[in-house]
Amino acid sequence: MAFLLSVVLLLGGSISPLAIAQEPTPTEEPAPVEEPTTDEPAVLEEQPAVEEQPADEPAPTAQPGTLEEITVINSVEYTCRDRKGFTADYLSDDSVVATFGSKEIILPRVSAASGARYSNDSVTVNTKGNSAFVQVGARTLFEDCVAKGTQPVQALW
């Protein structure tokens, strides 16, 4: 019965739950299963053999520029106006992981006239010295942010 069910489902057919629950009586013969014609694509194709590496060859290592090589080079907690705050993990690939509560956003570094700017065109983190601010679109949501344990830097923005 299980084989018949597998074949019917494999060929795109369906079986009602009632038909699955009923076992054929010994006098009944199962309905013949139609074989696919040559015009139909084969449902199962032969899979290529998986090549195993010889035991004396080392396993492949990460290639340059892959995720395994990216490391956190500096982690900064910012305290902002209105008791807001966020953390920024500066990565070795020149990007930042900005964490706002439980929300993490990876932002690539983009050109800035002064300081450093990380943006995905929606969220932007601007830093200069130990100060920062965060914009979402045209709105500044985190203002007057200072790296925890430091004093504010006088800035033009």
Protein backbone atom coordinates (compact mmCIF):
# COMPACT_ATOMS: atom_id res chain seq x y z
CA MET A 1 0.00 0.00 0.00
CA ALA A 2 2.80 2.44 0.88
CA PHE A 3 4.51 1.74 -2.45
CA LEU A 4 1.28 2.38 -4.36
CA LEU A 5 0.72 5.63 -2.45
CA SER A 6 4.27 6.76 -3.25
CA VAL A 7 3.87 5.97 -6.95
CA VAL A 8 0.50 7.74 -7.21
CA LEU A 9 1.82 10.84 -5.47
CA LEU A 10 5.01 10.74 -7.53
CA LEU A 11 2.97 10.77 -10.73
CA GLY A 12 1.01 13.79 -9.56
CA GLY A 13 -2.12 11.95 -8.47
CA SER A 14 -3.97 12.31 -5.23
CA ILE A 15 -5.64 9.90 -2.84
CA SER A 16 -8.43 10.69 -0.41
CA PRO A 17 -7.79 10.03 3.30
CA LEU A 18 -10.55 7.38 3.18
CA ALA A 19 -8.72 5.46 0.46
CA ILE A 20 -5.51 5.49 2.50
CA ALA A 21 -7.26 4.12 5.57
CA GLN A 22 -8.83 1.20 3.69
CA GLU A 23 -6.70 -1.82 2.95
CA PRO A 24 -7.66 -3.80 -0.18
CA THR A 25 -9.35 -7.11 0.50
CA PRO A 26 -7.51 -10.23 -0.68
CA THR A 27 -9.97 -10.67 -3.57
CA GLU A 28 -9.42 -7.14 -4.88
CA GLU A 29 -6.52 -6.38 -7.14
CA PRO A 30 -4.90 -2.96 -6.92
CA ALA A 31 -5.56 -0.68 -9.86
CA PRO A 32 -2.79 -0.78 -12.45
CA VAL A 33 -0.30 2.06 -12.27
CA GLU A 34 0.31 3.89 -15.51
CA GLU A 35 3.92 4.20 -16.55
CA PRO A 36 5.02 7.64 -17.76
CA THR A 37 5.14 7.95 -21.52
CA THR A 38 8.27 9.05 -23.34
CA ASP A 39 6.65 12.45 -23.98
CA GLU A 40 6.54 13.21 -20.22
CA PRO A 41 9.67 14.40 -18.41
CA ALA A 42 11.13 11.89 -16.01
CA VAL A 43 10.16 12.64 -12.42
CA LEU A 44 13.31 11.18 -10.98
CA GLU A 45 16.58 11.85 -12.68
CA GLU A 46 19.81 10.10 -11.93
CA GLN A 47 21.81 12.20 -9.50
CA PRO A 48 25.53 12.71 -10.13
CA ALA A 49 27.83 10.86 -7.79
CA VAL A 50 29.28 12.88 -4.93
CA GLU A 51 33.03 12.99 -5.13
CA GLU A 52 34.75 12.35 -1.85
CA GLN A 53 38.04 14.01 -1.07
CA PRO A 54 40.94 11.71 -0.34
CA ALA A 55 41.81 11.59 3.36
CA ASP A 56 45.28 13.06 2.80
CA GLU A 57 43.92 16.30 1.24
CA PRO A 58 42.95 19.10 3.65
CA ALA A 59 39.38 20.39 3.66
CA PRO A 60 38.83 23.61 1.70
CA THR A 61 39.47 26.80 3.67
CA ALA A 62 37.61 30.10 3.51
CA GLN A 63 38.50 32.28 0.55
CA PRO A 64 39.51 35.93 1.02
CA GLY A 65 36.53 38.23 1.39
CA THR A 66 34.22 35.58 2.84
CA LEU A 67 32.13 36.02 5.96
CA GLU A 68 34.42 33.82 8.07
CA GLU A 69 37.21 36.41 7.90
CA ILE A 70 35.15 39.39 9.09
CA THR A 71 35.84 40.29 12.71
CA VAL A 72 34.69 42.97 15.15
CA ILE A 73 37.53 45.47 15.55
CA ASN A 74 35.73 47.83 17.95
CA SER A 75 32.45 47.74 19.84
CA VAL A 76 31.01 51.04 21.09
CA GLU A 77 27.93 51.74 23.18
CA TYR A 78 26.43 55.17 22.50
CA THR A 79 24.23 57.11 24.93
CA CYS A 80 22.01 59.69 23.23
CA ARG A 81 19.60 62.50 24.08
CA ASP A 82 16.25 61.50 25.63
CA ARG A 83 17.84 58.44 27.30
CA LYS A 84 18.10 56.67 23.97
CA GLY A 85 21.08 54.64 22.91
CA PHE A 86 22.50 52.07 20.53
CA THR A 87 25.59 49.94 20.05
CA ALA A 88 27.87 49.84 17.06
CA ASP A 89 30.16 46.93 16.23
CA TYR A 90 32.74 48.18 13.75
CA LEU A 91 33.80 45.31 11.48
CA SER A 92 37.03 44.56 9.66
CA ASP A 93 35.27 44.80 6.28
CA ASP A 94 34.65 48.55 6.89
CA SER A 95 30.99 48.12 7.83
CA VAL A 96 29.11 48.48 11.11
CA VAL A 97 26.46 46.40 12.84
CA ALA A 98 24.21 48.95 14.54
CA THR A 99 21.95 47.51 17.25
CA PHE A 100 18.84 49.40 18.33
CA GLY A 101 17.18 47.34 21.08
CA SER A 102 16.64 43.93 19.48
CA LYS A 103 17.01 45.22 15.90
CA GLU A 104 20.40 44.77 14.18
CA ILE A 105 21.24 46.52 10.93
CA ILE A 106 24.43 46.01 8.92
CA LEU A 107 25.51 49.23 7.26
CA PRO A 108 28.37 49.60 4.77
CA ARG A 109 30.71 52.56 5.04
CA VAL A 110 30.03 55.31 2.51
CA SER A 111 31.91 58.50 1.73
CA ALA A 112 31.61 61.35 4.21
CA ALA A 113 32.86 64.92 4.15
CA SER A 114 34.04 64.56 7.74
CA GLY A 115 34.08 61.66 10.19
CA ALA A 116 32.63 58.30 9.19
CA ARG A 117 29.27 57.53 7.63
CA TYR A 118 27.56 54.12 7.38
CA SER A 119 24.38 53.86 5.35
CA ASN A 120 22.04 51.55 3.45
CA ASP A 121 20.16 54.55 1.95
CA SER A 122 17.45 54.14 4.59
CA VAL A 123 19.32 54.13 7.92
CA THR A 124 22.47 56.23 8.36
CA VAL A 125 24.91 56.29 11.27
CA ASN A 126 27.23 59.32 11.29
CA THR A 127 30.21 59.38 13.63
CA LYS A 128 33.00 61.81 14.34
CA GLY A 129 35.40 61.26 17.20
CA ASN A 130 33.31 59.93 20.08
CA SER A 131 30.04 61.52 18.89
CA ALA A 132 27.34 60.08 16.65
CA PHE A 133 23.81 60.57 15.37
CA VAL A 134 21.40 58.29 13.53
CA GLN A 135 19.02 59.21 10.73
CA VAL A 136 16.18 57.19 9.25
CA GLY A 137 15.32 58.79 5.96
CA ALA A 138 15.45 62.54 6.57
CA ARG A 139 14.59 62.26 10.29
CA THR A 140 17.24 62.26 12.99
CA LEU A 141 16.07 59.66 15.53
CA PHE A 142 19.16 59.46 17.76
CA GLU A 143 20.77 62.84 18.51
CA ASP A 144 23.76 64.00 20.53
CA CYS A 145 25.06 60.48 20.99
CA VAL A 146 28.33 60.03 22.88
CA ALA A 147 30.42 56.89 23.19
CA LYS A 148 29.90 55.53 26.71
CA GLY A 149 32.74 56.41 29.06
CA THR A 150 33.85 59.46 27.03
CA GLN A 151 33.05 63.17 26.96
CA PRO A 152 31.18 64.84 24.07
CA VAL A 153 33.24 66.25 21.24
CA GLN A 154 32.41 69.74 20.02
CA ALA A 155 31.16 69.36 16.45
CA LEU A 156 29.61 71.53 13.80
CA TRP A 157 26.62 69.21 13.46
